[in-house]
Amino acid sequence: MTDRYSEDDVVASVTRLTRSQLVTFIECDFVRPDRQAGAYVFRRIDLARLELLCDLSQDLDLDEIGLGIVISLIDQLHAARQDIATMSRAIAALPADLQAQIMAEMKRP
């Protein structure tokens, strides 16, 4: 399986996606494919995001404004989770006494 997909590959793979929806999602900056030789090139993560966009727009009947709000919130949630994972790794690398102090501070009201 490849890591790069053309527009045709994307429309064939994401069965609920029409070409006009794909163009709209790109124009609204909901998905940001690379450009190579004047053509869009998509990654697996783009396909997953397009599946999600189709679910949100079709199943929940969200318009472009609603999609923009929801996808922005999802992106913020993912970023926060990455930040928490990074902080957790940093804390785990500290000596035990510092870890205990941090945990005690986190439990304070």
N, C-alpha and C. Protein backbone atom coordinates (compact mmCIF):
# COMPACT_ATOMS: atom_id res chain seq x y z
N MET A 1 0.84 -1.18 0.00
CA MET A 1 0.00 0.00 0.00
C MET A 1 0.89 1.25 0.00
N THR A 2 0.49 2.24 -0.70
CA THR A 2 1.27 3.46 -0.86
C THR A 2 0.99 4.47 0.25
N ASP A 3 1.90 5.41 0.38
CA ASP A 3 1.71 6.48 1.36
C ASP A 3 1.24 7.76 0.69
N ARG A 4 1.15 7.76 -0.63
CA ARG A 4 0.75 8.94 -1.39
C ARG A 4 -0.42 8.58 -2.30
N TYR A 5 -1.40 9.50 -2.35
CA TYR A 5 -2.62 9.24 -3.13
C TYR A 5 -2.96 10.44 -4.00
N SER A 6 -3.42 10.18 -5.19
CA SER A 6 -3.88 11.23 -6.10
C SER A 6 -5.33 11.57 -5.78
N GLU A 7 -5.85 12.62 -6.42
CA GLU A 7 -7.26 12.97 -6.24
C GLU A 7 -8.15 11.79 -6.62
N ASP A 8 -7.83 11.14 -7.74
CA ASP A 8 -8.64 10.00 -8.17
C ASP A 8 -8.61 8.88 -7.14
N ASP A 9 -7.42 8.62 -6.57
CA ASP A 9 -7.30 7.59 -5.54
C ASP A 9 -8.16 7.93 -4.33
N VAL A 10 -8.15 9.21 -3.96
CA VAL A 10 -8.89 9.66 -2.78
C VAL A 10 -10.39 9.49 -3.00
N VAL A 11 -10.89 9.93 -4.13
CA VAL A 11 -12.32 9.83 -4.41
C VAL A 11 -12.75 8.36 -4.49
N ALA A 12 -11.86 7.50 -4.99
CA ALA A 12 -12.18 6.07 -5.05
C ALA A 12 -12.12 5.43 -3.67
N SER A 13 -11.20 5.88 -2.83
CA SER A 13 -11.02 5.28 -1.50
C SER A 13 -12.05 5.75 -0.48
N VAL A 14 -12.33 7.04 -0.50
CA VAL A 14 -13.30 7.61 0.44
C VAL A 14 -14.64 7.59 -0.27
N THR A 15 -15.37 6.52 -0.10
CA THR A 15 -16.54 6.25 -0.94
C THR A 15 -17.65 7.29 -0.81
N ARG A 16 -17.75 7.96 0.32
CA ARG A 16 -18.81 8.95 0.51
C ARG A 16 -18.40 10.33 -0.01
N LEU A 17 -17.20 10.47 -0.49
CA LEU A 17 -16.65 11.75 -0.91
C LEU A 17 -16.85 11.97 -2.40
N THR A 18 -17.39 13.12 -2.75
CA THR A 18 -17.48 13.49 -4.15
C THR A 18 -16.31 14.42 -4.48
N ARG A 19 -16.02 14.54 -5.75
CA ARG A 19 -14.93 15.42 -6.17
C ARG A 19 -15.22 16.87 -5.77
N SER A 20 -16.47 17.31 -5.89
CA SER A 20 -16.80 18.68 -5.52
C SER A 20 -16.64 18.90 -4.01
N GLN A 21 -16.97 17.89 -3.20
CA GLN A 21 -16.74 18.00 -1.76
C GLN A 21 -15.24 18.09 -1.47
N LEU A 22 -14.47 17.30 -2.18
CA LEU A 22 -13.02 17.32 -1.99
C LEU A 22 -12.47 18.71 -2.26
N VAL A 23 -12.90 19.30 -3.35
CA VAL A 23 -12.46 20.66 -3.68
C VAL A 23 -12.87 21.64 -2.59
N THR A 24 -14.10 21.52 -2.12
CA THR A 24 -14.59 22.40 -1.05
C THR A 24 -13.76 22.22 0.22
N PHE A 25 -13.48 20.99 0.59
CA PHE A 25 -12.70 20.73 1.81
C PHE A 25 -11.29 21.30 1.69
N ILE A 26 -10.72 21.25 0.49
CA ILE A 26 -9.39 21.83 0.28
C ILE A 26 -9.48 23.36 0.34
N GLU A 27 -10.46 23.93 -0.34
CA GLU A 27 -10.62 25.39 -0.36
C GLU A 27 -10.89 25.95 1.04
N CYS A 28 -11.61 25.20 1.87
CA CYS A 28 -11.91 25.64 3.23
C CYS A 28 -10.74 25.36 4.18
N ASP A 29 -9.69 24.75 3.68
CA ASP A 29 -8.50 24.43 4.48
C ASP A 29 -8.77 23.36 5.53
N PHE A 30 -9.78 22.52 5.32
CA PHE A 30 -10.07 21.43 6.23
C PHE A 30 -9.07 20.30 6.05
N VAL A 31 -8.54 20.19 4.85
CA VAL A 31 -7.50 19.22 4.53
C VAL A 31 -6.45 19.96 3.70
N ARG A 32 -5.18 19.66 3.94
CA ARG A 32 -4.10 20.39 3.29
C ARG A 32 -3.14 19.43 2.59
N PRO A 33 -3.52 18.97 1.41
CA PRO A 33 -2.63 18.04 0.69
C PRO A 33 -1.39 18.77 0.17
N ASP A 34 -0.35 18.01 -0.08
CA ASP A 34 0.84 18.55 -0.73
C ASP A 34 0.53 18.79 -2.20
N ARG A 35 1.38 19.59 -2.84
CA ARG A 35 1.26 19.79 -4.29
C ARG A 35 2.56 19.35 -4.94
N GLN A 36 2.43 18.50 -5.94
CA GLN A 36 3.59 18.04 -6.70
C GLN A 36 3.24 18.08 -8.17
N ALA A 37 4.03 18.79 -8.93
CA ALA A 37 3.82 18.93 -10.37
C ALA A 37 2.41 19.43 -10.68
N GLY A 38 1.93 20.36 -9.85
CA GLY A 38 0.63 20.97 -10.09
C GLY A 38 -0.57 20.15 -9.67
N ALA A 39 -0.33 18.97 -9.10
CA ALA A 39 -1.44 18.10 -8.68
C ALA A 39 -1.39 17.92 -7.16
N TYR A 40 -2.55 17.70 -6.58
CA TYR A 40 -2.62 17.43 -5.15
C TYR A 40 -2.13 16.01 -4.88
N VAL A 41 -1.41 15.87 -3.78
CA VAL A 41 -0.95 14.56 -3.33
C VAL A 41 -1.37 14.42 -1.86
N PHE A 42 -2.12 13.38 -1.58
CA PHE A 42 -2.69 13.16 -0.26
C PHE A 42 -1.94 12.06 0.48
N ARG A 43 -1.96 12.14 1.81
CA ARG A 43 -1.37 11.11 2.67
C ARG A 43 -2.49 10.31 3.34
N ARG A 44 -2.12 9.24 4.00
CA ARG A 44 -3.12 8.42 4.69
C ARG A 44 -3.90 9.24 5.71
N ILE A 45 -3.20 10.12 6.41
CA ILE A 45 -3.87 10.95 7.42
C ILE A 45 -4.93 11.85 6.77
N ASP A 46 -4.66 12.29 5.54
CA ASP A 46 -5.64 13.10 4.82
C ASP A 46 -6.89 12.28 4.51
N LEU A 47 -6.70 11.01 4.13
CA LEU A 47 -7.84 10.15 3.85
C LEU A 47 -8.69 9.95 5.11
N ALA A 48 -8.05 9.74 6.25
CA ALA A 48 -8.78 9.58 7.51
C ALA A 48 -9.54 10.85 7.84
N ARG A 49 -8.90 11.99 7.63
CA ARG A 49 -9.56 13.28 7.92
C ARG A 49 -10.75 13.50 6.98
N LEU A 50 -10.59 13.11 5.73
CA LEU A 50 -11.69 13.24 4.76
C LEU A 50 -12.86 12.33 5.13
N GLU A 51 -12.56 11.12 5.62
CA GLU A 51 -13.62 10.22 6.11
C GLU A 51 -14.38 10.90 7.25
N LEU A 52 -13.64 11.49 8.18
CA LEU A 52 -14.26 12.19 9.30
C LEU A 52 -15.10 13.36 8.81
N LEU A 53 -14.57 14.13 7.88
CA LEU A 53 -15.32 15.27 7.34
C LEU A 53 -16.62 14.81 6.67
N CYS A 54 -16.55 13.70 5.95
CA CYS A 54 -17.77 13.17 5.32
C CYS A 54 -18.78 12.74 6.39
N ASP A 55 -18.29 12.07 7.43
CA ASP A 55 -19.18 11.66 8.52
C ASP A 55 -19.85 12.87 9.15
N LEU A 56 -19.06 13.89 9.46
CA LEU A 56 -19.62 15.08 10.10
C LEU A 56 -20.59 15.82 9.20
N SER A 57 -20.22 15.98 7.95
CA SER A 57 -21.07 16.76 7.05
C SER A 57 -22.33 16.00 6.66
N GLN A 58 -22.23 14.70 6.47
CA GLN A 58 -23.37 13.94 5.99
C GLN A 58 -24.22 13.37 7.13
N ASP A 59 -23.59 12.77 8.10
CA ASP A 59 -24.35 12.15 9.19
C ASP A 59 -24.93 13.19 10.15
N LEU A 60 -24.16 14.25 10.40
CA LEU A 60 -24.63 15.29 11.33
C LEU A 60 -25.15 16.51 10.60
N ASP A 61 -25.11 16.47 9.29
CA ASP A 61 -25.65 17.55 8.45
C ASP A 61 -25.02 18.91 8.78
N LEU A 62 -23.69 18.91 8.98
CA LEU A 62 -22.99 20.16 9.28
C LEU A 62 -22.63 20.88 7.99
N ASP A 63 -22.82 22.18 7.98
CA ASP A 63 -22.40 22.98 6.83
C ASP A 63 -20.93 23.36 7.02
N GLU A 64 -20.39 24.17 6.11
CA GLU A 64 -18.97 24.52 6.16
C GLU A 64 -18.60 25.25 7.45
N ILE A 65 -19.48 26.10 7.95
CA ILE A 65 -19.18 26.83 9.19
C ILE A 65 -19.14 25.84 10.36
N GLY A 66 -20.13 24.96 10.44
CA GLY A 66 -20.16 23.96 11.50
C GLY A 66 -18.97 23.02 11.41
N LEU A 67 -18.63 22.59 10.20
CA LEU A 67 -17.47 21.73 10.02
C LEU A 67 -16.20 22.42 10.49
N GLY A 68 -16.07 23.70 10.16
CA GLY A 68 -14.89 24.46 10.56
C GLY A 68 -14.75 24.51 12.07
N ILE A 69 -15.86 24.72 12.75
CA ILE A 69 -15.84 24.78 14.22
C ILE A 69 -15.48 23.42 14.81
N VAL A 70 -16.15 22.38 14.35
CA VAL A 70 -15.94 21.04 14.92
C VAL A 70 -14.53 20.54 14.62
N ILE A 71 -14.06 20.71 13.41
CA ILE A 71 -12.73 20.20 13.05
C ILE A 71 -11.65 20.98 13.80
N SER A 72 -11.89 22.28 14.03
CA SER A 72 -10.94 23.07 14.81
C SER A 72 -10.88 22.56 16.25
N LEU A 73 -12.02 22.25 16.83
CA LEU A 73 -12.05 21.72 18.19
C LEU A 73 -11.36 20.35 18.26
N ILE A 74 -11.58 19.52 17.27
CA ILE A 74 -10.92 18.21 17.23
C ILE A 74 -9.41 18.39 17.13
N ASP A 75 -8.97 19.32 16.28
CA ASP A 75 -7.53 19.59 16.14
C ASP A 75 -6.94 20.09 17.46
N GLN A 76 -7.66 20.95 18.16
CA GLN A 76 -7.19 21.45 19.46
C GLN A 76 -7.09 20.32 20.48
N LEU A 77 -8.06 19.43 20.46
CA LEU A 77 -8.05 18.30 21.38
C LEU A 77 -6.84 17.40 21.12
N HIS A 78 -6.58 17.12 19.85
CA HIS A 78 -5.42 16.30 19.50
C HIS A 78 -4.12 16.97 19.93
N ALA A 79 -4.01 18.27 19.72
CA ALA A 79 -2.81 19.00 20.13
C ALA A 79 -2.64 18.96 21.65
N ALA A 80 -3.73 19.12 22.38
CA ALA A 80 -3.66 19.06 23.85
C ALA A 80 -3.22 17.68 24.31
N ARG A 81 -3.73 16.64 23.67
CA ARG A 81 -3.33 15.28 24.03
C ARG A 81 -1.85 15.05 23.77
N GLN A 82 -1.35 15.59 22.67
CA GLN A 82 0.08 15.47 22.37
C GLN A 82 0.91 16.21 23.41
N ASP A 83 0.45 17.39 23.82
CA ASP A 83 1.15 18.17 24.84
C ASP A 83 1.18 17.41 26.16
N ILE A 84 0.07 16.80 26.53
CA ILE A 84 0.00 16.04 27.78
C ILE A 84 0.94 14.84 27.72
N ALA A 85 0.99 14.16 26.60
CA ALA A 85 1.90 13.02 26.45
C ALA A 85 3.35 13.46 26.57
N THR A 86 3.67 14.61 25.98
CA THR A 86 5.03 15.15 26.08
C THR A 86 5.38 15.49 27.52
N MET A 87 4.45 16.15 28.21
CA MET A 87 4.69 16.49 29.62
C MET A 87 4.82 15.23 30.48
N SER A 88 4.03 14.24 30.20
CA SER A 88 4.10 12.99 30.96
C SER A 88 5.45 12.32 30.79
N ARG A 89 5.97 12.30 29.57
CA ARG A 89 7.30 11.72 29.33
C ARG A 89 8.38 12.53 30.05
N ALA A 90 8.24 13.86 30.03
CA ALA A 90 9.23 14.71 30.71
C ALA A 90 9.20 14.48 32.21
N ILE A 91 8.02 14.38 32.79
CA ILE A 91 7.89 14.14 34.23
C ILE A 91 8.43 12.76 34.59
N ALA A 92 8.16 11.77 33.75
CA ALA A 92 8.63 10.41 34.01
C ALA A 92 10.16 10.33 34.00
N ALA A 93 10.81 11.25 33.31
CA ALA A 93 12.27 11.26 33.24
C ALA A 93 12.91 11.95 34.44
N LEU A 94 12.12 12.59 35.26
CA LEU A 94 12.64 13.31 36.43
C LEU A 94 12.89 12.34 37.58
N PRO A 95 13.72 12.76 38.54
CA PRO A 95 13.91 11.94 39.74
C PRO A 95 12.59 11.77 40.49
N ALA A 96 12.49 10.70 41.23
CA ALA A 96 11.25 10.33 41.92
C ALA A 96 10.76 11.42 42.87
N ASP A 97 11.69 12.10 43.56
CA ASP A 97 11.24 13.13 44.50
C ASP A 97 10.59 14.30 43.77
N LEU A 98 11.11 14.67 42.61
CA LEU A 98 10.49 15.74 41.83
C LEU A 98 9.14 15.30 41.26
N GLN A 99 9.07 14.04 40.84
CA GLN A 99 7.79 13.51 40.36
C GLN A 99 6.74 13.59 41.47
N ALA A 100 7.13 13.23 42.67
CA ALA A 100 6.20 13.27 43.81
C ALA A 100 5.75 14.70 44.09
N GLN A 101 6.67 15.66 44.00
CA GLN A 101 6.30 17.06 44.22
C GLN A 101 5.31 17.54 43.15
N ILE A 102 5.57 17.18 41.92
CA ILE A 102 4.67 17.58 40.83
C ILE A 102 3.29 16.97 41.04
N MET A 103 3.24 15.69 41.39
CA MET A 103 1.96 15.03 41.62
C MET A 103 1.21 15.69 42.77
N ALA A 104 1.94 16.06 43.82
CA ALA A 104 1.30 16.72 44.97
C ALA A 104 0.72 18.06 44.56
N GLU A 105 1.45 18.81 43.75
CA GLU A 105 0.97 20.11 43.28
C GLU A 105 -0.25 19.95 42.37
N MET A 106 -0.27 18.92 41.58
CA MET A 106 -1.40 18.70 40.67
C MET A 106 -2.68 18.35 41.44
N LYS A 107 -2.54 17.79 42.63
CA LYS A 107 -3.70 17.39 43.43
C LYS A 107 -4.25 18.54 44.27
N ARG A 108 -3.47 19.61 44.38
CA ARG A 108 -3.94 20.74 45.17
C ARG A 108 -5.10 21.45 44.48
N PRO A 109 -6.08 21.93 45.28
CA PRO A 109 -7.23 22.65 44.68
C PRO A 109 -6.85 24.01 44.16
